[in-house]
N, C-alpha and C. Protein backbone atom coordinates (compact mmCIF):
# COMPACT_ATOMS: atom_id res chain seq x y z
N UNK A 1 0.85 -1.20 0.00
CA UNK A 1 0.00 0.00 0.00
C UNK A 1 0.88 1.24 0.00
N UNK A 2 0.53 2.18 -0.87
CA UNK A 2 1.23 3.46 -0.89
C UNK A 2 0.81 4.29 0.32
N UNK A 3 1.80 4.85 1.00
CA UNK A 3 1.54 5.55 2.24
C UNK A 3 1.52 7.06 2.03
N UNK A 4 0.58 7.69 2.69
CA UNK A 4 0.62 9.12 2.91
C UNK A 4 0.57 10.01 1.69
N UNK A 5 -0.28 9.71 0.71
CA UNK A 5 -0.41 10.61 -0.43
C UNK A 5 -1.06 11.91 0.02
N UNK A 6 -0.50 13.04 -0.43
CA UNK A 6 -1.10 14.35 -0.18
C UNK A 6 -1.37 14.99 -1.53
N UNK A 7 -2.65 15.17 -1.84
CA UNK A 7 -3.06 15.72 -3.13
C UNK A 7 -3.70 17.08 -2.89
N UNK A 8 -3.26 18.06 -3.64
CA UNK A 8 -3.77 19.42 -3.46
C UNK A 8 -4.69 19.83 -4.59
N UNK A 9 -5.70 20.61 -4.25
CA UNK A 9 -6.54 21.28 -5.23
C UNK A 9 -6.29 22.78 -5.07
N UNK A 10 -5.86 23.43 -6.13
CA UNK A 10 -5.56 24.86 -6.03
C UNK A 10 -6.81 25.60 -5.59
N UNK A 11 -6.72 26.22 -4.42
CA UNK A 11 -7.90 26.75 -3.75
C UNK A 11 -8.13 28.23 -3.94
N UNK A 12 -7.79 28.76 -5.10
CA UNK A 12 -7.98 30.19 -5.33
C UNK A 12 -9.40 30.52 -5.76
N UNK A 13 -10.01 29.63 -6.56
CA UNK A 13 -11.32 29.92 -7.13
C UNK A 13 -11.75 28.71 -7.95
N UNK A 14 -13.05 28.45 -8.02
CA UNK A 14 -13.54 27.39 -8.89
C UNK A 14 -14.08 26.19 -8.15
N UNK A 15 -14.10 25.04 -8.86
CA UNK A 15 -14.72 23.81 -8.35
C UNK A 15 -13.78 23.07 -7.40
N UNK A 16 -13.52 23.66 -6.29
CA UNK A 16 -12.53 23.12 -5.34
C UNK A 16 -13.08 21.91 -4.61
N UNK A 17 -14.21 22.08 -3.95
CA UNK A 17 -14.77 21.00 -3.14
C UNK A 17 -15.16 19.79 -3.98
N UNK A 18 -15.65 20.03 -5.19
CA UNK A 18 -16.03 18.93 -6.06
C UNK A 18 -14.82 18.06 -6.43
N UNK A 19 -13.68 18.70 -6.66
CA UNK A 19 -12.46 17.94 -6.96
C UNK A 19 -11.93 17.21 -5.73
N UNK A 20 -12.03 17.85 -4.58
CA UNK A 20 -11.61 17.19 -3.34
C UNK A 20 -12.43 15.93 -3.12
N UNK A 21 -13.74 16.03 -3.30
CA UNK A 21 -14.62 14.88 -3.08
C UNK A 21 -14.33 13.76 -4.07
N UNK A 22 -14.20 14.11 -5.36
CA UNK A 22 -13.94 13.09 -6.38
C UNK A 22 -12.63 12.36 -6.12
N UNK A 23 -11.60 13.11 -5.73
CA UNK A 23 -10.29 12.49 -5.49
C UNK A 23 -10.31 11.64 -4.23
N UNK A 24 -10.94 12.11 -3.18
CA UNK A 24 -11.05 11.30 -1.96
C UNK A 24 -11.87 10.03 -2.21
N UNK A 25 -12.87 10.11 -3.08
CA UNK A 25 -13.63 8.91 -3.44
C UNK A 25 -12.72 7.87 -4.08
N UNK A 26 -11.80 8.32 -4.94
CA UNK A 26 -10.87 7.40 -5.58
C UNK A 26 -9.90 6.80 -4.56
N UNK A 27 -9.38 7.64 -3.67
CA UNK A 27 -8.47 7.12 -2.64
C UNK A 27 -9.15 6.05 -1.79
N UNK A 28 -10.40 6.30 -1.43
CA UNK A 28 -11.14 5.32 -0.63
C UNK A 28 -11.39 4.04 -1.41
N UNK A 29 -11.78 4.19 -2.68
CA UNK A 29 -12.07 3.03 -3.52
C UNK A 29 -10.85 2.14 -3.67
N UNK A 30 -9.67 2.76 -3.83
CA UNK A 30 -8.44 2.01 -4.07
C UNK A 30 -7.74 1.61 -2.77
N UNK A 31 -8.29 2.01 -1.63
CA UNK A 31 -7.69 1.66 -0.35
C UNK A 31 -6.35 2.31 -0.11
N UNK A 32 -6.18 3.51 -0.63
CA UNK A 32 -4.90 4.22 -0.48
C UNK A 32 -4.92 5.14 0.74
N UNK A 33 -3.80 5.20 1.41
CA UNK A 33 -3.62 6.11 2.53
C UNK A 33 -3.30 7.48 1.97
N UNK A 34 -4.25 8.37 2.02
CA UNK A 34 -4.01 9.69 1.46
C UNK A 34 -5.15 10.63 1.76
N UNK A 35 -4.93 11.89 1.45
CA UNK A 35 -5.97 12.89 1.65
C UNK A 35 -5.83 13.96 0.59
N UNK A 36 -6.92 14.68 0.36
CA UNK A 36 -6.95 15.76 -0.62
C UNK A 36 -7.35 17.04 0.09
N UNK A 37 -6.58 18.10 -0.14
CA UNK A 37 -6.82 19.35 0.56
C UNK A 37 -6.79 20.52 -0.42
N UNK A 38 -7.39 21.62 -0.02
CA UNK A 38 -7.28 22.88 -0.74
C UNK A 38 -5.94 23.52 -0.41
N UNK A 39 -5.21 23.98 -1.45
CA UNK A 39 -3.90 24.60 -1.23
C UNK A 39 -3.90 26.00 -1.84
N UNK A 40 -3.30 26.93 -1.09
CA UNK A 40 -3.27 28.32 -1.55
C UNK A 40 -1.91 28.99 -1.35
N UNK A 41 -0.99 28.31 -0.67
CA UNK A 41 0.26 28.95 -0.29
C UNK A 41 1.46 28.16 -0.83
N UNK A 42 2.58 28.85 -1.10
CA UNK A 42 3.75 28.18 -1.66
C UNK A 42 4.23 26.98 -0.85
N UNK A 43 4.19 27.11 0.48
CA UNK A 43 4.68 26.01 1.32
C UNK A 43 3.80 24.77 1.19
N UNK A 44 2.53 24.96 0.88
CA UNK A 44 1.65 23.81 0.65
C UNK A 44 1.95 23.17 -0.70
N UNK A 45 2.18 23.99 -1.72
CA UNK A 45 2.50 23.47 -3.04
C UNK A 45 3.77 22.63 -2.99
N UNK A 46 4.71 23.03 -2.16
CA UNK A 46 5.98 22.30 -2.05
C UNK A 46 5.81 20.90 -1.49
N UNK A 47 4.71 20.63 -0.80
CA UNK A 47 4.54 19.35 -0.10
C UNK A 47 3.64 18.35 -0.83
N UNK A 48 2.86 18.80 -1.81
CA UNK A 48 1.87 17.90 -2.40
C UNK A 48 2.52 16.91 -3.36
N UNK A 49 1.87 15.75 -3.49
CA UNK A 49 2.31 14.71 -4.42
C UNK A 49 1.58 14.80 -5.75
N UNK A 50 0.57 15.63 -5.84
CA UNK A 50 -0.18 15.85 -7.06
C UNK A 50 -1.01 17.10 -6.88
N UNK A 51 -1.36 17.75 -7.99
CA UNK A 51 -2.08 19.02 -7.91
C UNK A 51 -3.19 19.04 -8.95
N UNK A 52 -4.38 19.49 -8.53
CA UNK A 52 -5.49 19.72 -9.44
C UNK A 52 -5.73 21.22 -9.55
N UNK A 53 -5.78 21.71 -10.77
CA UNK A 53 -6.16 23.11 -11.02
C UNK A 53 -7.59 23.05 -11.55
N UNK A 54 -8.56 23.52 -10.77
CA UNK A 54 -9.97 23.23 -11.07
C UNK A 54 -10.57 24.14 -12.13
N UNK A 55 -11.79 23.76 -12.54
CA UNK A 55 -12.57 24.64 -13.39
C UNK A 55 -13.01 25.87 -12.62
N UNK A 56 -13.23 26.95 -13.33
CA UNK A 56 -13.62 28.22 -12.72
C UNK A 56 -13.39 29.34 -13.71
N UNK A 57 -12.65 30.35 -13.30
CA UNK A 57 -12.35 31.50 -14.17
C UNK A 57 -10.83 31.63 -14.28
N UNK A 58 -10.31 31.32 -15.47
CA UNK A 58 -8.85 31.29 -15.63
C UNK A 58 -8.21 32.66 -15.42
N UNK A 59 -8.89 33.72 -15.86
CA UNK A 59 -8.32 35.05 -15.69
C UNK A 59 -8.24 35.41 -14.21
N UNK A 60 -9.28 35.08 -13.45
CA UNK A 60 -9.28 35.34 -12.01
C UNK A 60 -8.17 34.57 -11.33
N UNK A 61 -7.99 33.29 -11.70
CA UNK A 61 -6.91 32.51 -11.10
C UNK A 61 -5.56 33.15 -11.37
N UNK A 62 -5.35 33.61 -12.60
CA UNK A 62 -4.09 34.26 -12.93
C UNK A 62 -3.88 35.53 -12.13
N UNK A 63 -4.93 36.33 -11.99
CA UNK A 63 -4.82 37.57 -11.20
C UNK A 63 -4.47 37.25 -9.76
N UNK A 64 -5.14 36.24 -9.19
CA UNK A 64 -4.86 35.87 -7.80
C UNK A 64 -3.44 35.36 -7.64
N UNK A 65 -2.91 34.66 -8.65
CA UNK A 65 -1.52 34.21 -8.57
C UNK A 65 -0.54 35.38 -8.65
N UNK A 66 -0.93 36.46 -9.32
CA UNK A 66 -0.03 37.61 -9.38
C UNK A 66 0.07 38.30 -8.02
N UNK A 67 -0.96 38.13 -7.18
CA UNK A 67 -0.89 38.69 -5.83
C UNK A 67 0.13 37.96 -4.98
N UNK A 68 0.46 36.74 -5.36
CA UNK A 68 1.43 35.94 -4.63
C UNK A 68 2.28 35.21 -5.65
N UNK A 69 3.24 35.94 -6.23
CA UNK A 69 4.04 35.36 -7.31
C UNK A 69 4.88 34.18 -6.84
N UNK A 70 5.13 34.07 -5.55
CA UNK A 70 5.84 32.89 -5.06
C UNK A 70 4.99 31.64 -5.27
N UNK A 71 3.66 31.79 -5.17
CA UNK A 71 2.78 30.66 -5.45
C UNK A 71 2.94 30.25 -6.91
N UNK A 72 2.90 31.20 -7.82
CA UNK A 72 3.11 30.92 -9.24
C UNK A 72 4.46 30.26 -9.47
N UNK A 73 5.50 30.81 -8.85
CA UNK A 73 6.84 30.27 -9.04
C UNK A 73 6.96 28.85 -8.50
N UNK A 74 6.33 28.56 -7.37
CA UNK A 74 6.38 27.22 -6.78
C UNK A 74 5.64 26.21 -7.67
N UNK A 75 4.52 26.60 -8.23
CA UNK A 75 3.81 25.69 -9.13
C UNK A 75 4.66 25.43 -10.36
N UNK A 76 5.28 26.47 -10.91
CA UNK A 76 6.17 26.29 -12.06
C UNK A 76 7.31 25.34 -11.74
N UNK A 77 7.90 25.48 -10.56
CA UNK A 77 9.00 24.59 -10.16
C UNK A 77 8.54 23.15 -10.06
N UNK A 78 7.35 22.95 -9.49
CA UNK A 78 6.84 21.59 -9.35
C UNK A 78 6.50 20.99 -10.72
N UNK A 79 6.02 21.80 -11.65
CA UNK A 79 5.79 21.33 -13.01
C UNK A 79 7.10 20.87 -13.64
N UNK A 80 8.17 21.60 -13.38
CA UNK A 80 9.48 21.22 -13.90
C UNK A 80 9.99 19.93 -13.27
N UNK A 81 9.49 19.60 -12.07
CA UNK A 81 9.85 18.34 -11.41
C UNK A 81 8.97 17.17 -11.87
N UNK A 82 8.09 17.42 -12.86
CA UNK A 82 7.19 16.40 -13.41
C UNK A 82 6.10 16.00 -12.42
N UNK A 83 5.71 16.92 -11.54
CA UNK A 83 4.61 16.67 -10.62
C UNK A 83 3.35 16.33 -11.39
N UNK A 84 2.62 15.25 -11.02
CA UNK A 84 1.35 14.97 -11.67
C UNK A 84 0.34 16.11 -11.43
N UNK A 85 -0.26 16.60 -12.51
CA UNK A 85 -1.20 17.71 -12.43
C UNK A 85 -2.40 17.40 -13.33
N UNK A 86 -3.58 17.73 -12.82
CA UNK A 86 -4.82 17.64 -13.59
C UNK A 86 -5.43 19.03 -13.67
N UNK A 87 -5.65 19.52 -14.89
CA UNK A 87 -6.28 20.82 -15.08
C UNK A 87 -7.58 20.66 -15.84
N UNK A 88 -8.70 21.11 -15.24
CA UNK A 88 -10.00 20.94 -15.88
C UNK A 88 -10.57 22.30 -16.28
N UNK A 89 -10.97 22.41 -17.54
CA UNK A 89 -11.59 23.63 -18.07
C UNK A 89 -10.67 24.84 -17.85
N UNK A 90 -10.98 25.73 -16.93
CA UNK A 90 -10.11 26.87 -16.67
C UNK A 90 -8.71 26.41 -16.26
N UNK A 91 -8.65 25.27 -15.56
CA UNK A 91 -7.34 24.74 -15.15
C UNK A 91 -6.48 24.39 -16.35
N UNK A 92 -7.09 23.85 -17.40
CA UNK A 92 -6.32 23.56 -18.62
C UNK A 92 -5.84 24.85 -19.27
N UNK A 93 -6.68 25.89 -19.26
CA UNK A 93 -6.26 27.18 -19.82
C UNK A 93 -5.04 27.70 -19.08
N UNK A 94 -5.08 27.67 -17.75
CA UNK A 94 -3.97 28.17 -16.94
C UNK A 94 -2.68 27.38 -17.22
N UNK A 95 -2.82 26.11 -17.55
CA UNK A 95 -1.65 25.27 -17.83
C UNK A 95 -1.09 25.45 -19.24
N UNK A 96 -1.82 26.14 -20.11
CA UNK A 96 -1.45 26.24 -21.52
C UNK A 96 -0.28 27.19 -21.76
N UNK A 97 0.26 27.08 -22.97
CA UNK A 97 1.33 27.98 -23.41
C UNK A 97 0.76 29.30 -23.93
N UNK A 98 -0.36 29.24 -24.64
CA UNK A 98 -1.01 30.41 -25.19
C UNK A 98 -2.52 30.26 -25.06
N UNK A 99 -3.21 31.37 -24.85
CA UNK A 99 -4.66 31.36 -24.76
C UNK A 99 -5.24 32.43 -25.67
N UNK A 100 -6.29 32.05 -26.38
CA UNK A 100 -6.99 32.97 -27.28
C UNK A 100 -8.47 32.97 -26.92
N UNK A 101 -9.15 34.04 -27.27
CA UNK A 101 -10.60 34.11 -27.13
C UNK A 101 -11.22 34.04 -28.52
N UNK A 102 -12.35 33.37 -28.63
CA UNK A 102 -12.96 33.16 -29.94
C UNK A 102 -13.39 34.47 -30.60
N UNK A 103 -13.51 35.55 -29.83
CA UNK A 103 -13.96 36.82 -30.41
C UNK A 103 -12.89 37.92 -30.37
N UNK A 104 -12.05 37.95 -29.33
CA UNK A 104 -11.11 39.07 -29.19
C UNK A 104 -9.67 38.69 -29.48
N UNK A 105 -9.41 37.42 -29.76
CA UNK A 105 -8.05 37.02 -30.11
C UNK A 105 -7.20 36.67 -28.91
N UNK A 106 -5.90 36.89 -29.04
CA UNK A 106 -4.94 36.48 -28.03
C UNK A 106 -5.21 37.18 -26.71
N UNK A 107 -5.20 36.38 -25.62
CA UNK A 107 -5.43 36.93 -24.29
C UNK A 107 -4.10 37.10 -23.56
N UNK A 108 -3.93 38.27 -22.97
CA UNK A 108 -2.74 38.52 -22.17
C UNK A 108 -3.07 38.19 -20.72
N UNK A 109 -2.93 36.91 -20.36
CA UNK A 109 -3.20 36.48 -19.00
C UNK A 109 -2.07 35.60 -18.53
N UNK A 110 -1.92 35.50 -17.22
CA UNK A 110 -0.83 34.73 -16.64
C UNK A 110 -1.09 33.24 -16.85
N UNK A 111 -0.16 32.57 -17.52
CA UNK A 111 -0.27 31.15 -17.78
C UNK A 111 0.97 30.42 -17.27
N UNK A 112 0.79 29.15 -16.89
CA UNK A 112 1.88 28.36 -16.35
C UNK A 112 2.74 27.72 -17.44
N UNK A 113 2.16 27.44 -18.60
CA UNK A 113 2.93 26.90 -19.71
C UNK A 113 3.38 25.46 -19.55
N UNK A 114 2.77 24.71 -18.64
CA UNK A 114 3.17 23.32 -18.45
C UNK A 114 2.74 22.41 -19.58
N UNK A 115 1.66 22.79 -20.28
CA UNK A 115 1.19 22.06 -21.45
C UNK A 115 1.55 22.84 -22.71
N UNK A 116 2.17 22.16 -23.65
CA UNK A 116 2.57 22.80 -24.90
C UNK A 116 1.37 22.82 -25.85
N UNK A 117 0.40 23.65 -25.48
CA UNK A 117 -0.83 23.74 -26.26
C UNK A 117 -1.26 25.20 -26.38
N UNK A 118 -2.03 25.47 -27.43
CA UNK A 118 -2.74 26.73 -27.58
C UNK A 118 -4.22 26.44 -27.39
N UNK A 119 -4.88 27.20 -26.53
CA UNK A 119 -6.29 26.96 -26.27
C UNK A 119 -7.13 28.15 -26.74
N UNK A 120 -8.35 27.83 -27.13
CA UNK A 120 -9.34 28.86 -27.44
C UNK A 120 -10.39 28.87 -26.35
N UNK A 121 -10.50 29.98 -25.66
CA UNK A 121 -11.48 30.10 -24.59
C UNK A 121 -12.89 30.20 -25.18
N UNK A 122 -13.87 29.74 -24.41
CA UNK A 122 -15.28 29.81 -24.82
C UNK A 122 -15.48 29.24 -26.22
N UNK A 123 -14.77 28.16 -26.50
CA UNK A 123 -14.77 27.60 -27.85
C UNK A 123 -16.12 27.04 -28.27
N UNK A 124 -16.95 26.66 -27.29
CA UNK A 124 -18.27 26.10 -27.58
C UNK A 124 -19.40 27.09 -27.27
N UNK A 125 -19.04 28.33 -26.98
CA UNK A 125 -20.04 29.33 -26.67
C UNK A 125 -19.99 29.76 -25.21
N UNK A 126 -20.88 30.64 -24.85
CA UNK A 126 -20.92 31.22 -23.51
C UNK A 126 -21.74 30.35 -22.56
N UNK A 127 -22.06 30.90 -21.40
CA UNK A 127 -22.72 30.14 -20.34
C UNK A 127 -24.00 29.45 -20.81
N UNK A 128 -24.80 30.16 -21.59
CA UNK A 128 -26.08 29.58 -22.02
C UNK A 128 -25.92 28.52 -23.10
N UNK A 129 -24.68 28.30 -23.57
CA UNK A 129 -24.41 27.23 -24.52
C UNK A 129 -23.81 26.00 -23.84
N UNK A 130 -23.85 25.95 -22.51
CA UNK A 130 -23.31 24.81 -21.79
C UNK A 130 -24.10 23.54 -22.14
N UNK A 131 -23.41 22.40 -22.11
CA UNK A 131 -24.06 21.15 -22.50
C UNK A 131 -23.31 19.96 -21.91
N UNK A 132 -23.93 18.80 -22.01
CA UNK A 132 -23.31 17.54 -21.60
C UNK A 132 -23.35 16.58 -22.77
N UNK A 133 -22.31 15.75 -22.90
CA UNK A 133 -22.28 14.76 -23.97
C UNK A 133 -21.38 13.61 -23.56
N UNK A 134 -21.59 12.44 -24.14
CA UNK A 134 -20.75 11.28 -23.87
C UNK A 134 -19.49 11.35 -24.72
N UNK A 135 -18.37 11.05 -24.08
CA UNK A 135 -17.06 11.11 -24.73
C UNK A 135 -16.38 9.75 -24.68
N UNK A 136 -15.51 9.54 -25.64
CA UNK A 136 -14.56 8.43 -25.60
C UNK A 136 -13.19 9.02 -25.29
N UNK A 137 -12.55 8.52 -24.22
CA UNK A 137 -11.27 9.07 -23.78
C UNK A 137 -10.23 7.95 -23.78
N UNK A 138 -9.14 8.14 -24.52
CA UNK A 138 -8.08 7.13 -24.58
C UNK A 138 -7.55 6.84 -23.18
N UNK A 139 -7.44 5.56 -22.86
CA UNK A 139 -6.93 5.15 -21.56
C UNK A 139 -7.97 5.16 -20.47
N UNK A 140 -9.18 5.62 -20.77
CA UNK A 140 -10.25 5.68 -19.77
C UNK A 140 -11.47 4.90 -20.24
N UNK A 141 -11.90 5.11 -21.48
CA UNK A 141 -12.99 4.33 -22.01
C UNK A 141 -14.09 5.16 -22.63
N UNK A 142 -15.22 4.47 -22.87
CA UNK A 142 -16.36 5.07 -23.54
C UNK A 142 -17.34 5.66 -22.52
N UNK A 143 -18.29 6.43 -23.06
CA UNK A 143 -19.43 6.92 -22.28
C UNK A 143 -19.03 7.69 -21.03
N UNK A 144 -18.00 8.51 -21.16
CA UNK A 144 -17.64 9.42 -20.07
C UNK A 144 -18.45 10.70 -20.26
N UNK A 145 -19.22 11.07 -19.26
CA UNK A 145 -20.07 12.25 -19.39
C UNK A 145 -19.23 13.53 -19.31
N UNK A 146 -19.13 14.20 -20.43
CA UNK A 146 -18.40 15.46 -20.47
C UNK A 146 -19.33 16.62 -20.16
N UNK A 147 -19.01 17.37 -19.11
CA UNK A 147 -19.80 18.54 -18.72
C UNK A 147 -19.05 19.77 -19.21
N UNK A 148 -19.61 20.45 -20.21
CA UNK A 148 -18.96 21.58 -20.87
C UNK A 148 -19.66 22.87 -20.45
N UNK A 149 -18.92 23.73 -19.73
CA UNK A 149 -19.46 25.01 -19.25
C UNK A 149 -18.50 26.12 -19.68
N UNK A 150 -18.93 26.93 -20.64
CA UNK A 150 -18.04 27.97 -21.20
C UNK A 150 -16.68 27.35 -21.52
N UNK A 151 -16.70 26.22 -22.18
CA UNK A 151 -15.52 25.36 -22.28
C UNK A 151 -14.54 25.85 -23.35
N UNK A 152 -13.25 25.67 -23.08
CA UNK A 152 -12.23 25.91 -24.10
C UNK A 152 -12.07 24.67 -24.97
N UNK A 153 -11.30 24.81 -26.03
CA UNK A 153 -10.80 23.65 -26.77
C UNK A 153 -9.33 23.89 -27.09
N UNK A 154 -8.65 22.83 -27.46
CA UNK A 154 -7.23 22.92 -27.79
C UNK A 154 -7.10 23.14 -29.29
N UNK A 155 -6.49 24.25 -29.68
CA UNK A 155 -6.38 24.60 -31.10
C UNK A 155 -5.14 23.98 -31.74
N UNK A 156 -4.07 23.84 -30.98
CA UNK A 156 -2.86 23.22 -31.52
C UNK A 156 -2.05 22.62 -30.37
N UNK A 157 -1.25 21.61 -30.71
CA UNK A 157 -0.45 20.91 -29.70
C UNK A 157 0.99 20.78 -30.17
N UNK A 158 1.89 20.75 -29.19
CA UNK A 158 3.28 20.45 -29.47
C UNK A 158 3.47 18.96 -29.69
N UNK A 159 4.66 18.58 -30.13
CA UNK A 159 4.93 17.19 -30.50
C UNK A 159 4.87 16.24 -29.30
N UNK A 160 5.06 16.75 -28.10
CA UNK A 160 5.07 15.90 -26.91
C UNK A 160 3.68 15.69 -26.32
N UNK A 161 2.68 16.33 -26.90
CA UNK A 161 1.33 16.29 -26.35
C UNK A 161 0.54 15.16 -27.00
N UNK A 162 -0.10 14.33 -26.16
CA UNK A 162 -0.95 13.24 -26.63
C UNK A 162 -2.41 13.69 -26.59
N UNK A 163 -3.12 13.50 -27.68
CA UNK A 163 -4.53 13.84 -27.73
C UNK A 163 -5.33 12.66 -27.19
N UNK A 164 -6.13 12.90 -26.14
CA UNK A 164 -6.89 11.85 -25.49
C UNK A 164 -8.34 11.79 -25.96
N UNK A 165 -8.91 12.91 -26.35
CA UNK A 165 -10.33 12.92 -26.72
C UNK A 165 -10.64 14.11 -27.61
N UNK A 166 -11.61 13.90 -28.51
CA UNK A 166 -12.14 14.97 -29.34
C UNK A 166 -13.66 14.95 -29.28
N UNK A 167 -14.24 16.12 -29.47
CA UNK A 167 -15.68 16.22 -29.63
C UNK A 167 -15.97 17.26 -30.70
N UNK A 168 -16.81 16.91 -31.65
CA UNK A 168 -17.17 17.83 -32.73
C UNK A 168 -15.91 18.33 -33.46
N UNK A 169 -14.95 17.39 -33.64
CA UNK A 169 -13.67 17.66 -34.30
C UNK A 169 -12.78 18.63 -33.54
N UNK A 170 -13.11 18.91 -32.29
CA UNK A 170 -12.27 19.77 -31.46
C UNK A 170 -11.59 18.92 -30.38
N UNK A 171 -10.34 19.25 -30.09
CA UNK A 171 -9.59 18.53 -29.06
C UNK A 171 -10.07 18.98 -27.68
N UNK A 172 -10.48 18.01 -26.84
CA UNK A 172 -11.04 18.36 -25.54
C UNK A 172 -10.33 17.69 -24.37
N UNK A 173 -9.32 16.86 -24.64
CA UNK A 173 -8.53 16.28 -23.56
C UNK A 173 -7.15 15.94 -24.09
N UNK A 174 -6.12 16.29 -23.31
CA UNK A 174 -4.73 16.07 -23.71
C UNK A 174 -3.91 15.59 -22.52
N UNK A 175 -2.74 15.05 -22.86
CA UNK A 175 -1.80 14.61 -21.82
C UNK A 175 -0.38 14.89 -22.29
N UNK A 176 0.42 15.42 -21.40
CA UNK A 176 1.84 15.64 -21.68
C UNK A 176 2.63 15.26 -20.45
N UNK A 177 3.42 14.19 -20.56
CA UNK A 177 4.13 13.65 -19.41
C UNK A 177 3.13 13.35 -18.28
N UNK A 178 3.26 14.01 -17.13
CA UNK A 178 2.36 13.75 -16.00
C UNK A 178 1.23 14.77 -15.89
N UNK A 179 0.99 15.55 -16.94
CA UNK A 179 -0.04 16.58 -16.89
C UNK A 179 -1.21 16.18 -17.79
N UNK A 180 -2.42 16.22 -17.25
CA UNK A 180 -3.64 15.97 -18.01
C UNK A 180 -4.46 17.26 -18.03
N UNK A 181 -4.97 17.62 -19.20
CA UNK A 181 -5.84 18.78 -19.32
C UNK A 181 -7.12 18.40 -20.02
N UNK A 182 -8.26 18.91 -19.50
CA UNK A 182 -9.55 18.63 -20.12
C UNK A 182 -10.33 19.93 -20.32
N UNK A 183 -11.09 19.99 -21.42
CA UNK A 183 -11.98 21.12 -21.66
C UNK A 183 -13.19 21.09 -20.75
N UNK A 184 -13.56 19.89 -20.33
CA UNK A 184 -14.79 19.66 -19.58
C UNK A 184 -14.49 19.53 -18.09
N UNK A 185 -15.56 19.32 -17.30
CA UNK A 185 -15.47 19.26 -15.85
C UNK A 185 -15.72 17.82 -15.36
N UNK A 186 -14.69 16.99 -15.28
CA UNK A 186 -14.93 15.62 -14.77
C UNK A 186 -15.39 15.61 -13.32
N UNK A 187 -15.06 16.66 -12.57
CA UNK A 187 -15.46 16.73 -11.16
C UNK A 187 -16.96 16.91 -11.00
N UNK A 188 -17.65 17.30 -12.09
CA UNK A 188 -19.10 17.49 -12.04
C UNK A 188 -19.87 16.36 -12.71
N UNK A 189 -19.16 15.35 -13.18
CA UNK A 189 -19.78 14.31 -14.00
C UNK A 189 -20.36 13.15 -13.20
N UNK A 190 -19.92 12.98 -11.96
CA UNK A 190 -20.30 11.79 -11.19
C UNK A 190 -19.53 10.56 -11.61
N UNK A 191 -18.57 10.71 -12.51
CA UNK A 191 -17.74 9.62 -13.03
C UNK A 191 -16.31 9.91 -12.61
N UNK A 192 -15.74 9.06 -11.76
CA UNK A 192 -14.41 9.34 -11.21
C UNK A 192 -13.27 8.69 -11.97
N UNK A 193 -13.55 8.17 -13.17
CA UNK A 193 -12.50 7.44 -13.89
C UNK A 193 -11.29 8.32 -14.23
N UNK A 194 -11.52 9.57 -14.59
CA UNK A 194 -10.39 10.42 -14.92
C UNK A 194 -9.58 10.76 -13.67
N UNK A 195 -10.26 11.01 -12.57
CA UNK A 195 -9.54 11.24 -11.32
C UNK A 195 -8.78 9.97 -10.89
N UNK A 196 -9.32 8.81 -11.22
CA UNK A 196 -8.63 7.57 -10.89
C UNK A 196 -7.32 7.44 -11.67
N UNK A 197 -7.35 7.77 -12.95
CA UNK A 197 -6.13 7.77 -13.75
C UNK A 197 -5.11 8.76 -13.17
N UNK A 198 -5.60 9.91 -12.75
CA UNK A 198 -4.73 10.92 -12.15
C UNK A 198 -4.08 10.39 -10.86
N UNK A 199 -4.85 9.79 -10.00
CA UNK A 199 -4.30 9.23 -8.75
C UNK A 199 -3.30 8.13 -9.07
N UNK A 200 -3.59 7.29 -10.04
CA UNK A 200 -2.65 6.24 -10.43
C UNK A 200 -1.33 6.83 -10.92
N UNK A 201 -1.39 7.96 -11.61
CA UNK A 201 -0.15 8.61 -12.06
C UNK A 201 0.67 9.12 -10.88
N UNK A 202 -0.01 9.56 -9.83
CA UNK A 202 0.69 10.01 -8.61
C UNK A 202 1.39 8.83 -7.96
N UNK A 203 0.69 7.70 -7.84
CA UNK A 203 1.28 6.51 -7.22
C UNK A 203 2.52 6.07 -8.01
N UNK A 204 2.42 6.06 -9.33
CA UNK A 204 3.58 5.66 -10.15
C UNK A 204 4.74 6.64 -10.00
N UNK A 205 4.42 7.94 -9.96
CA UNK A 205 5.46 8.95 -9.82
C UNK A 205 6.16 8.85 -8.47
N UNK A 206 5.41 8.55 -7.42
CA UNK A 206 5.99 8.41 -6.08
C UNK A 206 6.95 7.23 -6.02
N UNK A 207 6.74 6.21 -6.85
CA UNK A 207 7.59 5.02 -6.81
C UNK A 207 8.89 5.23 -7.57
N UNK A 208 8.99 6.29 -8.35
CA UNK A 208 10.19 6.52 -9.16
C UNK A 208 11.38 6.97 -8.30
């Protein structure tokens, strides 16, 4: 049994509690000794074995990180250490190399750059265009309920990025090393398979 996993959910804004619950459900299911907590400070980022950047408002998250640039710097350092990270919706935007808006073009917002991708914000429309659909995700399976809320899509990927899922010919899930990014909100789906893959990546990384 793997001992003492500490998984953090970036607690600045967004679907924090939903991700904590989904991840703790996986830990319980797999009989792993671990816990999931909200993290907001550099010293907490330094201690976690995995990090989730939740859905919410990517611009707000970036602004809040500028208030504490040591937090931004610590996350960047952990990304360089190949820390397992899951970014959902806004979290994927924050992890991207470049972000664009479907109407105003390139966005000047603080990004972590851990994923070598360009994303288009609000790629499926605004709040009133939110929808749910079944997805096929490589390494996870069929009939995964994708919850799309003001969702981005991936417009281009670097050579190291693996495409995990598409919907309507748009890329909606990617993986690069230990980082997974999704356009949708798995924490709102009631399906913990993606969080399970994320936890498994943490266990494998801890054994290295």
